[in-house]
């Protein structure tokens, strides 16, 4: 299995997509956006089904769209903090006064 994937843009025509399939000897192409992200797939069957209507139609009209990956739920990060209170100095206590008997 190779890591190469033949691709077309959604604005390319069905004719161009079919030529790319012939050129790379594949039956399916990835459809990518301007940023290079995968938007969908177009197969030879998609193209041939739409060919009778308009061979110059854009790939975006017949491609199978790929669901975007689910966004990861942001993990709640517990903020680590340390409560710093000033140390209270103990007051020097005088010894308790003796309870005297009178």
Protein backbone atom coordinates (compact mmCIF):
# COMPACT_ATOMS: atom_id res chain seq x y z
CA UNK A 1 0.00 0.00 0.00
CA UNK A 2 1.45 3.35 -0.95
CA UNK A 3 1.12 6.66 0.84
CA UNK A 4 0.54 8.61 -2.39
CA UNK A 5 -3.02 9.82 -2.94
CA UNK A 6 -4.00 11.40 -6.24
CA UNK A 7 -6.13 14.48 -5.62
CA UNK A 8 -8.24 17.09 -7.36
CA UNK A 9 -9.85 20.33 -6.24
CA UNK A 10 -13.62 20.68 -5.86
CA UNK A 11 -13.63 23.24 -8.67
CA UNK A 12 -11.98 20.86 -11.15
CA UNK A 13 -14.20 19.40 -13.85
CA UNK A 14 -15.27 15.78 -14.12
CA UNK A 15 -13.18 15.54 -17.29
CA UNK A 16 -10.05 16.63 -15.42
CA UNK A 17 -10.78 14.18 -12.60
CA UNK A 18 -11.18 11.33 -15.07
CA UNK A 19 -7.87 12.27 -16.72
CA UNK A 20 -6.15 12.24 -13.31
CA UNK A 21 -7.57 8.78 -12.64
CA UNK A 22 -6.22 7.53 -15.96
CA UNK A 23 -2.85 9.18 -15.38
CA UNK A 24 -2.36 7.59 -11.95
CA UNK A 25 -4.22 4.35 -12.75
CA UNK A 26 -6.66 4.73 -9.83
CA UNK A 27 -10.43 4.53 -9.50
CA UNK A 28 -10.81 7.04 -6.70
CA UNK A 29 -9.42 10.50 -6.03
CA UNK A 30 -9.24 12.59 -2.91
CA UNK A 31 -10.86 16.01 -3.14
CA UNK A 32 -8.85 18.59 -1.23
CA UNK A 33 -9.41 22.21 -0.31
CA UNK A 34 -6.98 25.07 -0.72
CA UNK A 35 -5.33 24.30 2.61
CA UNK A 36 -4.75 20.67 1.60
CA UNK A 37 -7.41 19.21 3.91
CA UNK A 38 -9.49 16.33 2.65
CA UNK A 39 -13.02 17.45 1.78
CA UNK A 40 -14.27 14.31 0.11
CA UNK A 41 -13.73 11.50 -2.37
CA UNK A 42 -14.78 11.11 -5.98
CA UNK A 43 -14.88 7.71 -7.59
CA UNK A 44 -15.00 6.57 -11.17
CA UNK A 45 -18.63 5.54 -10.60
CA UNK A 46 -19.53 9.08 -9.43
CA UNK A 47 -18.00 10.56 -12.56
CA UNK A 48 -19.56 8.10 -15.00
CA UNK A 49 -23.01 8.55 -13.43
CA UNK A 50 -22.83 12.34 -13.91
CA UNK A 51 -21.00 12.21 -17.24
CA UNK A 52 -24.19 12.06 -19.36
CA UNK A 53 -25.51 15.26 -17.82
CA UNK A 54 -22.39 17.43 -18.06
CA UNK A 55 -18.77 16.28 -18.36
CA UNK A 56 -17.66 19.80 -17.48
CA UNK A 57 -19.55 19.86 -14.17
CA UNK A 58 -17.42 20.48 -11.10
CA UNK A 59 -16.23 17.65 -8.93
CA UNK A 60 -17.95 19.23 -5.90
CA UNK A 61 -21.34 18.37 -7.42
CA UNK A 62 -20.76 14.61 -7.38
CA UNK A 63 -18.14 13.95 -4.69
CA UNK A 64 -18.87 12.08 -1.49
CA UNK A 65 -18.15 14.43 1.39
CA UNK A 66 -15.97 13.32 4.27
CA UNK A 67 -17.07 14.14 7.78
CA UNK A 68 -14.64 16.35 9.62
CA UNK A 69 -12.88 14.64 12.51
CA UNK A 70 -14.62 15.18 15.84
CA UNK A 71 -13.15 17.98 17.83
CA UNK A 72 -11.45 16.85 20.93
CA UNK A 73 -13.20 17.92 24.02
CA UNK A 74 -10.95 20.33 25.81
CA UNK A 75 -9.68 18.78 28.94
CA UNK A 76 -10.32 20.79 31.99
CA UNK A 77 -7.05 21.58 33.54
CA UNK A 78 -7.11 22.05 37.19
CA UNK A 79 -5.20 25.11 38.00
CA UNK A 80 -2.52 24.34 40.45
CA UNK A 81 -2.05 27.07 42.87
CA UNK A 82 -0.81 27.30 46.35
CA UNK A 83 -2.53 29.45 48.84
CA UNK A 84 0.13 31.35 50.63
CA UNK A 85 -0.93 32.94 53.82
CA UNK A 86 1.40 35.00 55.87
CA UNK A 87 2.70 33.10 58.85
CA UNK A 88 1.15 34.37 61.96
CA UNK A 89 3.62 34.84 64.74
CA UNK A 90 2.56 33.49 67.98
CA UNK A 91 2.35 36.11 70.60
CA UNK A 92 4.44 35.52 73.60
CA UNK A 93 1.95 34.59 76.16
CA UNK A 94 2.43 35.45 79.72
CA UNK A 95 2.03 32.46 81.99
CA UNK A 96 -1.46 32.30 83.36
CA UNK A 97 -1.92 34.06 86.65
CA UNK A 98 -2.24 31.59 89.50
CA UNK A 99 -5.65 31.36 90.88
CA UNK A 100 -5.09 32.20 94.44
CA UNK A 101 -7.06 31.46 97.56
CA UNK A 102 -7.73 34.29 99.71
